Amino acid sequence: YAQRPLTSDSLQQLLQIHPEKDTNRVGLLNQLAFANYYNSPMSSLQYGFEAQKIADSLGYVKGEAEAFRQIGLAFWAQSDMLTAINYFLTGLRIAEQNGLRQTEADILSNIGTAYNGMN
């Protein structure tokens, strides 16, 4: 409770001082995507797609699964449920194949929320 959470501004500053395309950058991009998915879904998409591209090039499956989740959240925030579900399912497949249980659980929750939004 004593620590303040990272904000979009502070994450952006960290991203600027960390230009290397590595797993740390993927994590920062995914955090930025999450921080922006509701208020700025287009920015969230940009961060998510960049994170996915870097994670894929590194073979960083956890980062890639999370990037697909973030992309899905951005589409969900724009009420594009079908596209959101497609990205969630891609991330879920990666998470399941690699035993990323927490990521699986998060994505399954997101899928349920998207289907609920479709009635």
Protein backbone atom coordinates (compact mmCIF):
# COMPACT_ATOMS: atom_id res chain seq x y z
CA TYR A 1 0.00 0.00 0.00
CA ALA A 2 2.95 2.33 0.56
CA GLN A 3 3.98 2.18 -3.10
CA ARG A 4 2.19 4.13 -5.75
CA PRO A 5 1.15 2.11 -8.80
CA LEU A 6 2.85 2.76 -12.11
CA THR A 7 0.91 5.18 -14.25
CA SER A 8 0.79 5.41 -17.99
CA ASP A 9 3.18 8.38 -17.84
CA SER A 10 5.73 6.58 -15.69
CA LEU A 11 5.49 3.47 -17.88
CA GLN A 12 6.00 5.64 -20.96
CA GLN A 13 9.14 7.12 -19.37
CA LEU A 14 10.48 3.63 -18.62
CA LEU A 15 9.76 2.58 -22.18
CA GLN A 16 11.71 5.54 -23.56
CA ILE A 17 14.80 4.73 -21.51
CA HIS A 18 14.58 1.05 -22.47
CA PRO A 19 14.75 0.87 -26.30
CA GLU A 20 16.14 -2.67 -26.37
CA LYS A 21 13.76 -5.18 -27.91
CA ASP A 22 13.79 -7.71 -25.10
CA THR A 23 11.41 -9.31 -22.62
CA ASN A 24 11.50 -6.24 -20.36
CA ARG A 25 10.24 -4.07 -23.21
CA VAL A 26 7.49 -6.61 -23.92
CA GLY A 27 6.42 -6.40 -20.28
CA LEU A 28 6.39 -2.60 -20.33
CA LEU A 29 4.39 -2.55 -23.56
CA ASN A 30 1.84 -4.99 -22.15
CA GLN A 31 1.53 -2.90 -18.98
CA LEU A 32 0.99 0.23 -21.09
CA ALA A 33 -1.60 -1.57 -23.19
CA PHE A 34 -3.46 -2.58 -20.03
CA ALA A 35 -3.23 0.94 -18.57
CA ASN A 36 -4.78 2.40 -21.73
CA TYR A 37 -7.27 -0.20 -23.02
CA TYR A 38 -10.35 1.51 -21.63
CA ASN A 39 -9.52 5.20 -22.02
CA SER A 40 -7.40 4.98 -25.18
CA PRO A 41 -8.00 1.66 -26.95
CA MET A 42 -6.14 2.74 -30.10
CA SER A 43 -2.98 3.39 -28.05
CA SER A 44 -3.54 0.08 -26.32
CA LEU A 45 -3.69 -1.67 -29.69
CA GLN A 46 -0.45 -0.05 -30.76
CA TYR A 47 1.33 -1.18 -27.58
CA GLY A 48 -0.19 -4.66 -27.76
CA PHE A 49 0.77 -5.24 -31.38
CA GLU A 50 4.33 -4.05 -30.73
CA ALA A 51 4.59 -6.31 -27.69
CA GLN A 52 3.28 -9.28 -29.69
CA LYS A 53 5.73 -8.68 -32.51
CA ILE A 54 8.74 -8.44 -30.19
CA ALA A 55 7.62 -11.40 -28.07
CA ASP A 56 7.15 -13.52 -31.18
CA SER A 57 10.62 -12.63 -32.49
CA LEU A 58 12.13 -13.58 -29.10
CA GLY A 59 10.09 -16.76 -28.66
CA TYR A 60 8.77 -15.25 -25.42
CA VAL A 61 5.48 -17.13 -25.18
CA LYS A 62 4.27 -15.60 -21.92
CA GLY A 63 4.69 -12.09 -23.32
CA GLU A 64 3.02 -13.09 -26.57
CA ALA A 65 0.01 -14.64 -24.85
CA GLU A 66 -0.35 -11.54 -22.69
CA ALA A 67 -0.05 -9.28 -25.75
CA PHE A 68 -2.91 -11.12 -27.44
CA ARG A 69 -4.92 -10.63 -24.25
CA GLN A 70 -4.20 -6.90 -24.28
CA ILE A 71 -5.16 -6.62 -27.95
CA GLY A 72 -8.40 -8.43 -27.16
CA LEU A 73 -9.12 -6.04 -24.30
CA ALA A 74 -8.67 -3.05 -26.60
CA PHE A 75 -11.15 -4.50 -29.10
CA TRP A 76 -13.52 -5.35 -26.23
CA ALA A 77 -13.36 -1.72 -25.07
CA GLN A 78 -14.44 -0.69 -28.58
CA SER A 79 -17.39 -3.14 -28.42
CA ASP A 80 -15.90 -5.35 -31.13
CA MET A 81 -16.60 -8.58 -29.28
CA LEU A 82 -15.94 -11.02 -32.12
CA THR A 83 -12.48 -9.63 -32.83
CA ALA A 84 -11.75 -9.48 -29.10
CA ILE A 85 -12.72 -13.13 -28.67
CA ASN A 86 -10.51 -14.15 -31.60
CA TYR A 87 -7.48 -12.48 -30.01
CA PHE A 88 -8.37 -13.91 -26.59
CA LEU A 89 -8.58 -17.40 -28.08
CA THR A 90 -5.19 -17.01 -29.76
CA GLY A 91 -3.66 -15.95 -26.45
CA LEU A 92 -5.46 -18.78 -24.65
CA ARG A 93 -4.07 -21.37 -27.07
CA ILE A 94 -0.53 -20.12 -26.44
CA ALA A 95 -1.08 -20.08 -22.67
CA GLU A 96 -2.54 -23.61 -22.64
CA GLN A 97 0.26 -25.04 -24.79
CA ASN A 98 2.89 -23.58 -22.47
CA GLY A 99 1.30 -24.20 -19.07
CA LEU A 100 0.77 -20.53 -18.25
CA ARG A 101 -2.06 -21.14 -15.79
CA GLN A 102 -2.55 -17.56 -14.54
CA THR A 103 -2.62 -16.20 -18.07
CA GLU A 104 -5.13 -18.93 -19.00
CA ALA A 105 -7.36 -17.92 -16.11
CA ASP A 106 -7.15 -14.23 -16.98
CA ILE A 107 -7.99 -14.85 -20.62
CA LEU A 108 -10.86 -17.21 -19.79
CA SER A 109 -12.33 -14.47 -17.61
CA ASN A 110 -11.97 -12.00 -20.48
CA ILE A 111 -13.66 -14.42 -22.88
CA GLY A 112 -16.57 -14.79 -20.46
CA THR A 113 -16.90 -11.03 -20.19
CA ALA A 114 -16.89 -10.66 -23.98
CA TYR A 115 -19.55 -13.35 -24.42
CA ASN A 116 -21.60 -11.68 -21.69
CA GLY A 117 -21.35 -8.42 -23.64
CA MET A 118 -22.83 -10.24 -26.63
CA ASN A 119 -25.76 -11.41 -24.47
